[in-house]
């Protein structure tokens, strides 16, 4: 083997290793983000996250943990109730729209709605819809 072939092989192997390592790191980072998003559903994670943010001293830690324990279950219950109400509201909206929309329009609507309404695994942490932006009227209409 001459020098040019050796250098070419070294470069190709280095690039291949870089691609493999990059893909593995990307996968690990994505998995970490997904786990973190879903772990917010647990009261214990919420409590530990608050404690990490606050960084209390030893005297405060016990008192803060008691306060957070007392409120964590209630907050998780409220979160779950809110999610159910939002789901019911969306289902009601969908039933009303189903009477008017064509099958193609329904398909496009469901494809565009990430999150719990589409039941998609692609976007677990995103909200079900984007807030509407207010359109500013043309200059002539503002007068």
Protein backbone atom coordinates (compact mmCIF):
# COMPACT_ATOMS: atom_id res chain seq x y z
CA UNK A 1 0.00 0.00 0.00
CA UNK A 2 1.27 3.39 -0.85
CA UNK A 3 0.96 6.51 1.30
CA UNK A 4 -2.03 7.99 -0.60
CA UNK A 5 -4.12 4.84 -0.03
CA UNK A 6 -3.20 4.76 3.68
CA UNK A 7 -4.11 8.44 4.16
CA UNK A 8 -7.39 7.94 2.29
CA UNK A 9 -8.29 4.93 4.46
CA UNK A 10 -7.43 6.83 7.65
CA UNK A 11 -9.63 9.76 6.58
CA UNK A 12 -12.53 7.47 5.63
CA UNK A 13 -12.28 5.53 8.92
CA UNK A 14 -12.08 8.79 10.90
CA UNK A 15 -15.17 10.17 9.14
CA UNK A 16 -17.07 6.91 9.68
CA UNK A 17 -16.16 6.90 13.38
CA UNK A 18 -17.24 10.54 13.66
CA UNK A 19 -20.60 9.78 12.08
CA UNK A 20 -21.19 6.77 14.35
CA UNK A 21 -20.17 8.62 17.52
CA UNK A 22 -22.26 11.66 16.52
CA UNK A 23 -25.31 9.50 15.90
CA UNK A 24 -24.87 7.74 19.25
CA UNK A 25 -24.51 11.05 21.11
CA UNK A 26 -27.52 12.49 19.32
CA UNK A 27 -29.58 9.45 20.28
CA UNK A 28 -28.46 9.70 23.91
CA UNK A 29 -29.30 13.40 24.05
CA UNK A 30 -32.71 12.85 22.49
CA UNK A 31 -33.47 10.01 24.89
CA UNK A 32 -32.43 12.21 27.83
CA UNK A 33 -34.76 15.01 26.68
CA UNK A 34 -37.68 12.63 26.22
CA UNK A 35 -37.13 11.07 29.64
CA UNK A 36 -36.91 14.50 31.23
CA UNK A 37 -40.14 15.65 29.55
CA UNK A 38 -42.06 12.61 30.72
CA UNK A 39 -40.57 12.64 34.21
CA UNK A 40 -42.34 15.93 34.97
CA UNK A 41 -45.44 13.82 35.38
CA UNK A 42 -44.10 12.40 38.64
CA UNK A 43 -44.49 14.35 41.89
CA UNK A 44 -41.09 13.16 43.15
CA UNK A 45 -39.31 14.60 40.14
CA UNK A 46 -41.15 17.88 40.57
CA UNK A 47 -40.12 18.04 44.23
CA UNK A 48 -36.49 17.24 43.46
CA UNK A 49 -36.43 19.77 40.64
CA UNK A 50 -37.75 22.52 42.93
CA UNK A 51 -35.13 21.61 45.53
CA UNK A 52 -32.37 21.69 42.91
CA UNK A 53 -33.50 25.12 41.76
CA UNK A 54 -33.90 26.58 45.26
CA UNK A 55 -30.68 25.05 46.67
CA UNK A 56 -31.85 25.21 50.30
CA UNK A 57 -29.57 24.77 53.29
CA UNK A 58 -30.06 21.79 55.63
CA UNK A 59 -32.57 23.60 57.86
CA UNK A 60 -34.69 24.72 54.94
CA UNK A 61 -34.51 21.43 53.04
CA UNK A 62 -36.80 19.52 55.41
CA UNK A 63 -39.38 22.33 55.62
CA UNK A 64 -39.36 22.89 51.86
CA UNK A 65 -39.73 19.17 51.18
CA UNK A 66 -42.76 19.02 53.50
CA UNK A 67 -44.39 21.99 51.76
CA UNK A 68 -43.68 20.54 48.33
CA UNK A 69 -44.95 17.07 49.35
CA UNK A 70 -48.16 18.64 50.59
CA UNK A 71 -48.72 20.51 47.33
CA UNK A 72 -47.22 18.16 44.73
CA UNK A 73 -50.11 15.69 44.62
CA UNK A 74 -52.62 18.52 44.31
CA UNK A 75 -50.64 20.09 41.47
CA UNK A 76 -50.37 16.78 39.63
CA UNK A 77 -54.10 16.24 40.06
CA UNK A 78 -54.83 19.72 38.67
CA UNK A 79 -52.48 19.07 35.76
CA UNK A 80 -54.21 15.80 34.92
CA UNK A 81 -57.69 17.39 35.21
CA UNK A 82 -56.60 20.23 32.95
CA UNK A 83 -55.24 17.76 30.39
CA UNK A 84 -58.54 15.83 30.44
CA UNK A 85 -60.61 19.00 30.05
CA UNK A 86 -58.43 20.13 27.18
CA UNK A 87 -58.78 16.73 25.51
CA UNK A 88 -62.58 16.79 25.93
CA UNK A 89 -62.74 20.32 24.55
CA UNK A 90 -60.70 19.31 21.53
CA UNK A 91 -62.85 16.24 20.92
CA UNK A 92 -65.96 18.43 21.06
CA UNK A 93 -64.40 20.84 18.58
CA UNK A 94 -63.41 17.96 16.34
CA UNK A 95 -66.98 16.56 16.35
CA UNK A 96 -68.37 19.93 15.31
CA UNK A 97 -65.78 20.32 12.56
CA UNK A 98 -66.33 16.76 11.32
CA UNK A 99 -69.79 17.79 10.17
CA UNK A 100 -68.33 20.48 7.91
CA UNK A 101 -64.86 19.34 6.81
CA UNK A 102 -64.05 17.11 3.89
CA UNK A 103 -61.99 13.94 4.52
CA UNK A 104 -58.91 15.65 3.05
CA UNK A 105 -59.32 18.66 5.36
CA UNK A 106 -59.74 16.35 8.38
CA UNK A 107 -56.59 14.48 7.43
CA UNK A 108 -54.60 17.71 7.07
CA UNK A 109 -55.89 19.00 10.40
CA UNK A 110 -54.95 15.85 12.28
CA UNK A 111 -51.57 15.67 10.60
CA UNK A 112 -50.77 19.23 11.69
CA UNK A 113 -51.78 18.77 15.34
CA UNK A 114 -48.88 17.32 17.30
CA UNK A 115 -49.15 16.07 20.85
CA UNK A 116 -51.98 14.36 22.66
CA UNK A 117 -54.67 15.12 20.08
CA UNK A 118 -52.96 13.29 17.28
CA UNK A 119 -51.73 10.51 19.57
CA UNK A 120 -48.37 10.84 17.87
CA UNK A 121 -45.11 9.61 19.36
CA UNK A 122 -43.09 12.04 17.28
CA UNK A 123 -43.70 15.14 19.42
CA UNK A 124 -44.38 14.04 23.01
CA UNK A 125 -43.71 17.35 24.73
CA UNK A 126 -45.17 19.91 22.37
CA UNK A 127 -48.43 21.72 23.02
CA UNK A 128 -51.49 20.59 21.05
CA UNK A 129 -51.76 23.85 19.14
CA UNK A 130 -49.93 27.10 18.51
CA UNK A 131 -51.39 30.32 19.89
CA UNK A 132 -53.00 32.46 17.25
CA UNK A 133 -51.25 35.67 16.35
CA UNK A 134 -53.30 38.79 16.15
CA UNK A 135 -53.39 40.17 12.67
CA UNK A 136 -52.90 43.90 12.51
CA UNK A 137 -55.43 45.68 10.33
CA UNK A 138 -54.14 47.63 7.36
CA UNK A 139 -53.20 51.25 7.96
CA UNK A 140 -56.43 52.47 6.30
CA UNK A 141 -58.67 50.58 8.73
CA UNK A 142 -56.91 51.81 11.87
CA UNK A 143 -58.14 55.37 11.40
